[in-house]
Amino acid sequence: LAKQGKTPNAYLPNIDGTNLTESTYLSIIFGRFNRVPIMQGTTHNEFRLFVATLFEFQGVPVTAENYQSLISSLLSVDMSTASAIATYFYPASRFDSPALALSQIGTDSVFACPSRTFARYLSEYAPTFAYEFGDENAPQDVLPPASFPYGSYHGAEVQYLLDGFDAAPAFTSEQTQLASHMKSYWTQFAKTGDPNGGSSPVWTKYVHGAETSLQRLVAPTPEISGESHFVYDHSCVFWSGH
């Protein structure tokens, strides 16, 4: 496999001309990949975990005073752009705290809207099943408490699918039901390329613009959600232009 090249914020594939000849972005938008069924998605509050670990736990809590400068740093934009984002699109007063405001910016710009964009391209070439994990009370037994709720944080869905090395998560009965549905979906998908086939609610294929495009993984029972709701919830017209 290609060596991973480190960037300040992420690990990205190394385009070496042999194992990888172009970026994964270009491969996806032009359909130059193995066209097998795909399951992909995000969690509803992806970036809360990163605001906790990259800022708060490093002694840099998000405040009203540093909110705009942290937007500038997070998005690599100048202060005038950060000010416009903070003033017109993500005013801190709209959220319970500046930390949650910054978390929403990170969730929408880094995870949610790019995920939707990729689902749109992937679905043109292969059956695509898109989800958003949305259990706002997902257990968080690894990190210490933050000044804000973790919600459905980055990676929160994994514990619903795989047994950990330590004690099982402290699930409620409703979360246990959700975990059962999710295990059924993932198992069926691994067997057949389609998450359907068990007794869980139907999961429809992603179709761009359809109101049955996303499966919301919420306790106790997953439900179909429309794409327009996702776009509104994550301000994707602003971030993606569509």
C-alpha atoms as a PDB file:
ATOM      1  CA  LEU A   1       0.000   0.000   0.000  1.00  0.00           C
ATOM      2  CA  ALA A   2       1.050   3.555  -0.606  1.00  0.00           C
ATOM      3  CA  LYS A   3       2.966   5.271   2.143  1.00  0.00           C
ATOM      4  CA  GLN A   4       0.883   7.771   4.067  1.00  0.00           C
ATOM      5  CA  GLY A   5       2.163  11.330   3.802  1.00  0.00           C
ATOM      6  CA  LYS A   6       1.637  13.430   6.911  1.00  0.00           C
ATOM      7  CA  THR A   7       0.032  16.880   6.725  1.00  0.00           C
ATOM      8  CA  PRO A   8      -0.550  19.253   9.667  1.00  0.00           C
ATOM      9  CA  ASN A   9      -4.118  17.997  10.127  1.00  0.00           C
ATOM     10  CA  ALA A  10      -4.386  14.553   8.564  1.00  0.00           C
ATOM     11  CA  TYR A  11      -2.739  11.583   6.944  1.00  0.00           C
ATOM     12  CA  LEU A  12      -3.234  11.509   3.187  1.00  0.00           C
ATOM     13  CA  PRO A  13      -2.346   8.929   0.520  1.00  0.00           C
ATOM     14  CA  ASN A  14       1.015   9.373  -1.188  1.00  0.00           C
ATOM     15  CA  ILE A  15       0.494   9.556  -4.958  1.00  0.00           C
ATOM     16  CA  ASP A  16       3.605   7.632  -6.008  1.00  0.00           C
ATOM     17  CA  GLY A  17       2.742   6.986  -9.662  1.00  0.00           C
ATOM     18  CA  THR A  18       2.672   3.214  -9.150  1.00  0.00           C
ATOM     19  CA  ASN A  19       0.295   2.243  -6.374  1.00  0.00           C
ATOM     20  CA  LEU A  20      -1.654   5.467  -6.651  1.00  0.00           C
ATOM     21  CA  THR A  21      -1.521   7.441  -9.856  1.00  0.00           C
ATOM     22  CA  GLU A  22      -3.959  10.212  -8.951  1.00  0.00           C
ATOM     23  CA  SER A  23      -5.797  11.615  -5.947  1.00  0.00           C
ATOM     24  CA  THR A  24      -8.715   9.675  -4.545  1.00  0.00           C
ATOM     25  CA  TYR A  25     -10.843  12.775  -5.224  1.00  0.00           C
ATOM     26  CA  LEU A  26     -10.196  12.589  -8.971  1.00  0.00           C
ATOM     27  CA  SER A  27     -10.618   8.810  -8.982  1.00  0.00           C
ATOM     28  CA  ILE A  28     -14.045   9.153  -7.408  1.00  0.00           C
ATOM     29  CA  ILE A  29     -15.457  12.032  -9.455  1.00  0.00           C
ATOM     30  CA  PHE A  30     -14.378  10.383 -12.719  1.00  0.00           C
ATOM     31  CA  GLY A  31     -15.347   6.845 -11.686  1.00  0.00           C
ATOM     32  CA  ARG A  32     -11.845   5.407 -11.901  1.00  0.00           C
ATOM     33  CA  PHE A  33     -12.222   2.907  -9.078  1.00  0.00           C
ATOM     34  CA  ASN A  34     -13.490  -0.633  -8.553  1.00  0.00           C
ATOM     35  CA  ARG A  35     -17.237  -0.220  -8.932  1.00  0.00           C
ATOM     36  CA  VAL A  36     -18.396  -2.375  -6.078  1.00  0.00           C
ATOM     37  CA  PRO A  37     -21.254  -1.531  -3.664  1.00  0.00           C
ATOM     38  CA  ILE A  38     -20.282   1.155  -1.164  1.00  0.00           C
ATOM     39  CA  MET A  39     -21.473   2.038   2.338  1.00  0.00           C
ATOM     40  CA  GLN A  40     -20.299   5.376   3.671  1.00  0.00           C
ATOM     41  CA  GLY A  41     -21.365   8.025   6.120  1.00  0.00           C
ATOM     42  CA  THR A  42     -20.583  10.334   9.012  1.00  0.00           C
ATOM     43  CA  THR A  43     -21.673  11.069  12.545  1.00  0.00           C
ATOM     44  CA  HIS A  44     -23.901  14.043  13.349  1.00  0.00           C
ATOM     45  CA  ASN A  45     -21.390  15.738  15.683  1.00  0.00           C
ATOM     46  CA  GLU A  46     -18.097  14.587  14.152  1.00  0.00           C
ATOM     47  CA  PHE A  47     -15.899  17.505  15.190  1.00  0.00           C
ATOM     48  CA  ARG A  48     -16.815  17.753  18.856  1.00  0.00           C
ATOM     49  CA  LEU A  49     -14.199  15.144  19.665  1.00  0.00           C
ATOM     50  CA  PHE A  50     -11.538  17.218  17.893  1.00  0.00           C
ATOM     51  CA  VAL A  51     -12.508  20.477  19.571  1.00  0.00           C
ATOM     52  CA  ALA A  52     -12.062  18.644  22.872  1.00  0.00           C
ATOM     53  CA  THR A  53      -8.743  16.980  22.039  1.00  0.00           C
ATOM     54  CA  LEU A  54      -7.111  19.632  19.839  1.00  0.00           C
ATOM     55  CA  PHE A  55      -8.204  22.711  21.743  1.00  0.00           C
ATOM     56  CA  GLU A  56      -9.803  22.274  25.149  1.00  0.00           C
ATOM     57  CA  PHE A  57      -7.543  19.494  26.426  1.00  0.00           C
ATOM     58  CA  GLN A  58      -4.514  21.390  25.107  1.00  0.00           C
ATOM     59  CA  GLY A  59      -5.288  24.384  27.280  1.00  0.00           C
ATOM     60  CA  VAL A  60      -6.946  26.394  24.523  1.00  0.00           C
ATOM     61  CA  PRO A  61     -10.675  26.372  25.326  1.00  0.00           C
ATOM     62  CA  VAL A  62     -12.861  28.002  22.701  1.00  0.00           C
ATOM     63  CA  THR A  63     -14.120  31.356  23.935  1.00  0.00           C
ATOM     64  CA  ALA A  64     -15.971  34.313  22.484  1.00  0.00           C
ATOM     65  CA  GLU A  65     -12.627  36.130  22.330  1.00  0.00           C
ATOM     66  CA  ASN A  66     -10.674  33.518  20.335  1.00  0.00           C
ATOM     67  CA  TYR A  67     -13.581  32.067  18.320  1.00  0.00           C
ATOM     68  CA  GLN A  68     -12.783  33.918  15.101  1.00  0.00           C
ATOM     69  CA  SER A  69      -9.044  33.271  15.295  1.00  0.00           C
ATOM     70  CA  LEU A  70      -9.697  29.537  15.773  1.00  0.00           C
ATOM     71  CA  ILE A  71     -11.995  29.549  12.724  1.00  0.00           C
ATOM     72  CA  SER A  72      -9.149  31.142  10.776  1.00  0.00           C
ATOM     73  CA  SER A  73      -6.728  28.468  11.993  1.00  0.00           C
ATOM     74  CA  LEU A  74      -9.113  25.570  11.469  1.00  0.00           C
ATOM     75  CA  LEU A  75     -10.104  26.494   7.912  1.00  0.00           C
ATOM     76  CA  SER A  76      -6.821  28.151   6.866  1.00  0.00           C
ATOM     77  CA  VAL A  77      -8.622  31.363   5.931  1.00  0.00           C
ATOM     78  CA  ASP A  78      -7.780  34.992   6.658  1.00  0.00           C
ATOM     79  CA  MET A  79      -9.341  36.825   9.568  1.00  0.00           C
ATOM     80  CA  SER A  80     -11.785  38.786   7.428  1.00  0.00           C
ATOM     81  CA  THR A  81     -13.215  35.528   6.051  1.00  0.00           C
ATOM     82  CA  ALA A  82     -13.284  34.007   9.524  1.00  0.00           C
ATOM     83  CA  SER A  83     -15.113  37.095  10.785  1.00  0.00           C
ATOM     84  CA  ALA A  84     -17.740  36.792   8.043  1.00  0.00           C
ATOM     85  CA  ILE A  85     -18.282  33.103   8.836  1.00  0.00           C
ATOM     86  CA  ALA A  86     -18.622  33.846  12.544  1.00  0.00           C
ATOM     87  CA  THR A  87     -20.913  36.822  11.993  1.00  0.00           C
ATOM     88  CA  TYR A  88     -23.259  35.703   9.241  1.00  0.00           C
ATOM     89  CA  PHE A  89     -23.189  31.910   9.078  1.00  0.00           C
ATOM     90  CA  TYR A  90     -22.140  30.546  12.486  1.00  0.00           C
ATOM     91  CA  PRO A  91     -22.689  33.225  15.137  1.00  0.00           C
ATOM     92  CA  ALA A  92     -21.669  31.839  18.514  1.00  0.00           C
ATOM     93  CA  SER A  93     -24.896  33.201  19.998  1.00  0.00           C
ATOM     94  CA  ARG A  94     -26.797  30.573  18.022  1.00  0.00           C
ATOM     95  CA  PHE A  95     -25.151  27.790  20.011  1.00  0.00           C
ATOM     96  CA  ASP A  96     -24.913  26.855  23.657  1.00  0.00           C
ATOM     97  CA  SER A  97     -21.209  27.735  23.637  1.00  0.00           C
ATOM     98  CA  PRO A  98     -18.469  28.951  21.263  1.00  0.00           C
ATOM     99  CA  ALA A  99     -16.976  25.431  21.459  1.00  0.00           C
ATOM    100  CA  LEU A 100     -20.151  23.948  19.989  1.00  0.00           C
ATOM    101  CA  ALA A 101     -20.193  26.638  17.312  1.00  0.00           C
ATOM    102  CA  LEU A 102     -16.639  25.738  16.249  1.00  0.00           C
ATOM    103  CA  SER A 103     -17.557  22.049  16.427  1.00  0.00           C
ATOM    104  CA  GLN A 104     -20.429  22.634  14.000  1.00  0.00           C
ATOM    105  CA  ILE A 105     -18.138  24.420  11.555  1.00  0.00           C
ATOM    106  CA  GLY A 106     -15.684  21.530  11.646  1.00  0.00           C
ATOM    107  CA  THR A 107     -18.415  18.917  11.349  1.00  0.00           C
ATOM    108  CA  ASP A 108     -20.063  20.610   8.382  1.00  0.00           C
ATOM    109  CA  SER A 109     -16.981  21.678   6.428  1.00  0.00           C
ATOM    110  CA  VAL A 110     -14.629  18.755   7.042  1.00  0.00           C
ATOM    111  CA  PHE A 111     -16.988  15.780   7.321  1.00  0.00           C
ATOM    112  CA  ALA A 112     -20.702  16.110   6.558  1.00  0.00           C
ATOM    113  CA  CYS A 113     -20.782  18.104   3.328  1.00  0.00           C
ATOM    114  CA  PRO A 114     -17.736  16.449   1.716  1.00  0.00           C
ATOM    115  CA  SER A 115     -19.270  13.064   2.582  1.00  0.00           C
ATOM    116  CA  ARG A 116     -22.468  14.051   0.783  1.00  0.00           C
ATOM    117  CA  THR A 117     -20.470  15.276  -2.223  1.00  0.00           C
ATOM    118  CA  PHE A 118     -18.651  11.961  -2.454  1.00  0.00           C
ATOM    119  CA  ALA A 119     -21.912  10.022  -2.094  1.00  0.00           C
ATOM    120  CA  ARG A 120     -23.242  12.003  -5.035  1.00  0.00           C
ATOM    121  CA  TYR A 121     -20.283  11.042  -7.246  1.00  0.00           C
ATOM    122  CA  LEU A 122     -19.956   7.469  -6.011  1.00  0.00           C
ATOM    123  CA  SER A 123     -23.627   6.747  -6.646  1.00  0.00           C
ATOM    124  CA  GLU A 124     -23.184   7.585 -10.326  1.00  0.00           C
ATOM    125  CA  TYR A 125     -20.928   4.563 -10.727  1.00  0.00           C
ATOM    126  CA  ALA A 126     -21.807   2.062  -7.989  1.00  0.00           C
ATOM    127  CA  PRO A 127     -24.657   1.217  -5.590  1.00  0.00           C
ATOM    128  CA  THR A 128     -24.110   3.539  -2.628  1.00  0.00           C
ATOM    129  CA  PHE A 129     -25.690   3.350   0.814  1.00  0.00           C
ATOM    130  CA  ALA A 130     -25.250   6.532   2.853  1.00  0.00           C
ATOM    131  CA  TYR A 131     -25.834   7.001   6.559  1.00  0.00           C
ATOM    132  CA  GLU A 132     -25.610   9.549   9.334  1.00  0.00           C
ATOM    133  CA  PHE A 133     -25.092   8.171  12.821  1.00  0.00           C
ATOM    134  CA  GLY A 134     -27.117  10.343  15.180  1.00  0.00           C
ATOM    135  CA  ASP A 135     -27.247   8.890  18.679  1.00  0.00           C
ATOM    136  CA  GLU A 136     -26.650  12.060  20.694  1.00  0.00           C
ATOM    137  CA  ASN A 137     -26.090  10.000  23.855  1.00  0.00           C
ATOM    138  CA  ALA A 138     -23.470   7.613  22.496  1.00  0.00           C
ATOM    139  CA  PRO A 139     -21.197   6.393  25.325  1.00  0.00           C
ATOM    140  CA  GLN A 140     -17.781   8.041  25.607  1.00  0.00           C
ATOM    141  CA  ASP A 141     -15.662   5.928  27.922  1.00  0.00           C
ATOM    142  CA  VAL A 142     -12.204   6.765  26.558  1.00  0.00           C
ATOM    143  CA  LEU A 143     -11.831  10.530  26.905  1.00  0.00           C
ATOM    144  CA  PRO A 144     -12.436  12.615  30.004  1.00  0.00           C
ATOM    145  CA  PRO A 145     -15.519  14.837  30.116  1.00  0.00           C
ATOM    146  CA  ALA A 146     -15.357  18.067  28.127  1.00  0.00           C
ATOM    147  CA  SER A 147     -17.132  21.335  28.864  1.00  0.00           C
ATOM    148  CA  PHE A 148     -19.751  20.361  26.274  1.00  0.00           C
ATOM    149  CA  PRO A 149     -21.534  17.087  25.432  1.00  0.00           C
ATOM    150  CA  TYR A 150     -19.739  14.864  22.934  1.00  0.00           C
ATOM    151  CA  GLY A 151     -23.006  13.967  21.212  1.00  0.00           C
ATOM    152  CA  SER A 152     -22.596  11.616  18.248  1.00  0.00           C
ATOM    153  CA  TYR A 153     -18.860  12.282  18.005  1.00  0.00           C
ATOM    154  CA  HIS A 154     -16.287  11.064  15.488  1.00  0.00           C
ATOM    155  CA  GLY A 155     -16.041   7.263  15.652  1.00  0.00           C
ATOM    156  CA  ALA A 156     -19.001   6.918  18.025  1.00  0.00           C
ATOM    157  CA  GLU A 157     -20.697   4.376  15.768  1.00  0.00           C
ATOM    158  CA  VAL A 158     -17.844   1.854  15.914  1.00  0.00           C
ATOM    159  CA  GLN A 159     -18.751   0.625  19.405  1.00  0.00           C
ATOM    160  CA  TYR A 160     -22.229  -0.267  18.108  1.00  0.00           C
ATOM    161  CA  LEU A 161     -20.681  -2.589  15.535  1.00  0.00           C
ATOM    162  CA  LEU A 162     -17.621  -4.194  17.106  1.00  0.00           C
ATOM    163  CA  ASP A 163     -16.950  -5.727  20.476  1.00  0.00           C
ATOM    164  CA  GLY A 164     -14.110  -3.883  22.189  1.00  0.00           C
ATOM    165  CA  PHE A 165     -11.130  -5.282  24.044  1.00  0.00           C
ATOM    166  CA  ASP A 166     -12.375  -3.838  27.325  1.00  0.00           C
ATOM    167  CA  ALA A 167     -15.787  -3.888  28.959  1.00  0.00           C
ATOM    168  CA  ALA A 168     -18.806  -3.523  26.712  1.00  0.00           C
ATOM    169  CA  PRO A 169     -20.200   0.010  26.342  1.00  0.00           C
ATOM    170  CA  ALA A 170     -22.844   1.009  28.873  1.00  0.00           C
ATOM    171  CA  PHE A 171     -25.710   0.876  26.399  1.00  0.00           C
ATOM    172  CA  THR A 172     -29.309   1.609  27.275  1.00  0.00           C
ATOM    173  CA  SER A 173     -31.918  -0.845  26.030  1.00  0.00           C
ATOM    174  CA  GLU A 174     -32.668   1.492  23.104  1.00  0.00           C
ATOM    175  CA  GLN A 175     -28.990   1.723  22.180  1.00  0.00           C
ATOM    176  CA  THR A 176     -28.735  -2.056  22.322  1.00  0.00           C
ATOM    177  CA  GLN A 177     -31.568  -2.217  19.790  1.00  0.00           C
ATOM    178  CA  LEU A 178     -29.780   0.268  17.541  1.00  0.00           C
ATOM    179  CA  ALA A 179     -26.579  -1.792  17.774  1.00  0.00           C
ATOM    180  CA  SER A 180     -28.502  -4.900  16.742  1.00  0.00           C
ATOM    181  CA  HIS A 181     -29.893  -3.129  13.662  1.00  0.00           C
ATOM    182  CA  MET A 182     -26.488  -1.787  12.717  1.00  0.00           C
ATOM    183  CA  LYS A 183     -24.788  -5.168  13.051  1.00  0.00           C
ATOM    184  CA  SER A 184     -27.479  -6.631  10.824  1.00  0.00           C
ATOM    185  CA  TYR A 185     -26.932  -3.941   8.184  1.00  0.00           C
ATOM    186  CA  TRP A 186     -23.149  -4.304   8.173  1.00  0.00           C
ATOM    187  CA  THR A 187     -23.288  -8.101   8.138  1.00  0.00           C
ATOM    188  CA  GLN A 188     -25.769  -8.214   5.274  1.00  0.00           C
ATOM    189  CA  PHE A 189     -23.685  -5.683   3.355  1.00  0.00           C
ATOM    190  CA  ALA A 190     -20.525  -7.743   3.828  1.00  0.00           C
ATOM    191  CA  LYS A 191     -22.339 -10.867   2.606  1.00  0.00           C
ATOM    192  CA  THR A 192     -24.315  -9.456  -0.331  1.00  0.00           C
ATOM    193  CA  GLY A 193     -23.295  -5.858  -1.047  1.00  0.00           C
ATOM    194  CA  ASP A 194     -26.685  -4.691   0.241  1.00  0.00           C
ATOM    195  CA  PRO A 195     -27.461  -3.876   3.897  1.00  0.00           C
ATOM    196  CA  ASN A 196     -31.022  -5.109   3.509  1.00  0.00           C
ATOM    197  CA  GLY A 197     -32.150  -8.683   3.990  1.00  0.00           C
ATOM    198  CA  GLY A 198     -32.599  -8.935   7.731  1.00  0.00           C
ATOM    199  CA  SER A 199     -35.476  -7.744   9.884  1.00  0.00           C
ATOM    200  CA  SER A 200     -34.235  -4.138  10.211  1.00  0.00           C
ATOM    201  CA  PRO A 201     -35.965  -1.196   8.481  1.00  0.00           C
ATOM    202  CA  VAL A 202     -35.339  -0.879   4.748  1.00  0.00           C
ATOM    203  CA  TRP A 203     -32.240   1.103   3.801  1.00  0.00           C
ATOM    204  CA  THR A 204     -32.618   2.599   0.317  1.00  0.00           C
ATOM    205  CA  LYS A 205     -29.763   3.379  -2.057  1.00  0.00           C
ATOM    206  CA  TYR A 206     -28.470   6.919  -2.179  1.00  0.00           C
ATOM    207  CA  VAL A 207     -29.996   8.976  -4.988  1.00  0.00           C
ATOM    208  CA  HIS A 208     -28.880  12.588  -5.222  1.00  0.00           C
ATOM    209  CA  GLY A 209     -31.705  14.914  -4.228  1.00  0.00           C
ATOM    210  CA  ALA A 210     -34.080  12.176  -3.117  1.00  0.00           C
ATOM    211  CA  GLU A 211     -35.901  12.369   0.178  1.00  0.00           C
ATOM    212  CA  THR A 212     -35.030   8.727   0.892  1.00  0.00           C
ATOM    213  CA  SER A 213     -31.280   9.097   0.408  1.00  0.00           C
ATOM    214  CA  LEU A 214     -29.904   8.772   3.936  1.00  0.00           C
ATOM    215  CA  GLN A 215     -30.330   6.239   6.700  1.00  0.00           C
ATOM    216  CA  ARG A 216     -30.356   7.962  10.089  1.00  0.00           C
ATOM    217  CA  LEU A 217     -28.863   5.587  12.617  1.00  0.00           C
ATOM    218  CA  VAL A 218     -30.730   6.622  15.748  1.00  0.00           C
ATOM    219  CA  ALA A 219     -31.901   4.700  18.809  1.00  0.00           C
ATOM    220  CA  PRO A 220     -33.859   2.551  19.031  1.00  0.00           C
ATOM    221  CA  THR A 221     -34.725   2.177  15.335  1.00  0.00           C
ATOM    222  CA  PRO A 222     -32.974   3.583  12.247  1.00  0.00           C
ATOM    223  CA  GLU A 223     -35.100   5.713   9.961  1.00  0.00           C
ATOM    224  CA  ILE A 224     -35.020   7.086   6.431  1.00  0.00           C
ATOM    225  CA  SER A 225     -34.126  10.751   6.142  1.00  0.00           C
ATOM    226  CA  GLY A 226     -34.340  13.200   3.262  1.00  0.00           C
ATOM    227  CA  GLU A 227     -31.303  14.810   1.732  1.00  0.00           C
ATOM    228  CA  SER A 228     -32.800  18.307   2.053  1.00  0.00           C
ATOM    229  CA  HIS A 229     -32.831  17.935   5.848  1.00  0.00           C
ATOM    230  CA  PHE A 230     -29.161  16.952   5.849  1.00  0.00           C
ATOM    231  CA  VAL A 231     -28.246  19.875   3.577  1.00  0.00           C
ATOM    232  CA  TYR A 232     -30.054  22.340   5.832  1.00  0.00           C
ATOM    233  CA  ASP A 233     -28.688  20.828   9.031  1.00  0.00           C
ATOM    234  CA  HIS A 234     -25.085  21.075   7.855  1.00  0.00           C
ATOM    235  CA  SER A 235     -25.246  24.244   5.699  1.00  0.00           C
ATOM    236  CA  CYS A 236     -24.045  22.307   2.661  1.00  0.00           C
ATOM    237  CA  VAL A 237     -25.164  24.970   0.193  1.00  0.00           C
ATOM    238  CA  PHE A 238     -22.584  27.256   1.826  1.00  0.00           C
ATOM    239  CA  TRP A 239     -19.805  24.666   2.022  1.00  0.00           C
ATOM    240  CA  SER A 240     -20.394  22.715  -1.188  1.00  0.00           C
ATOM    241  CA  GLY A 241     -22.352  25.132  -3.365  1.00  0.00           C
ATOM    242  CA  HIS A 242     -25.228  22.676  -3.832  1.00  0.00           C
END
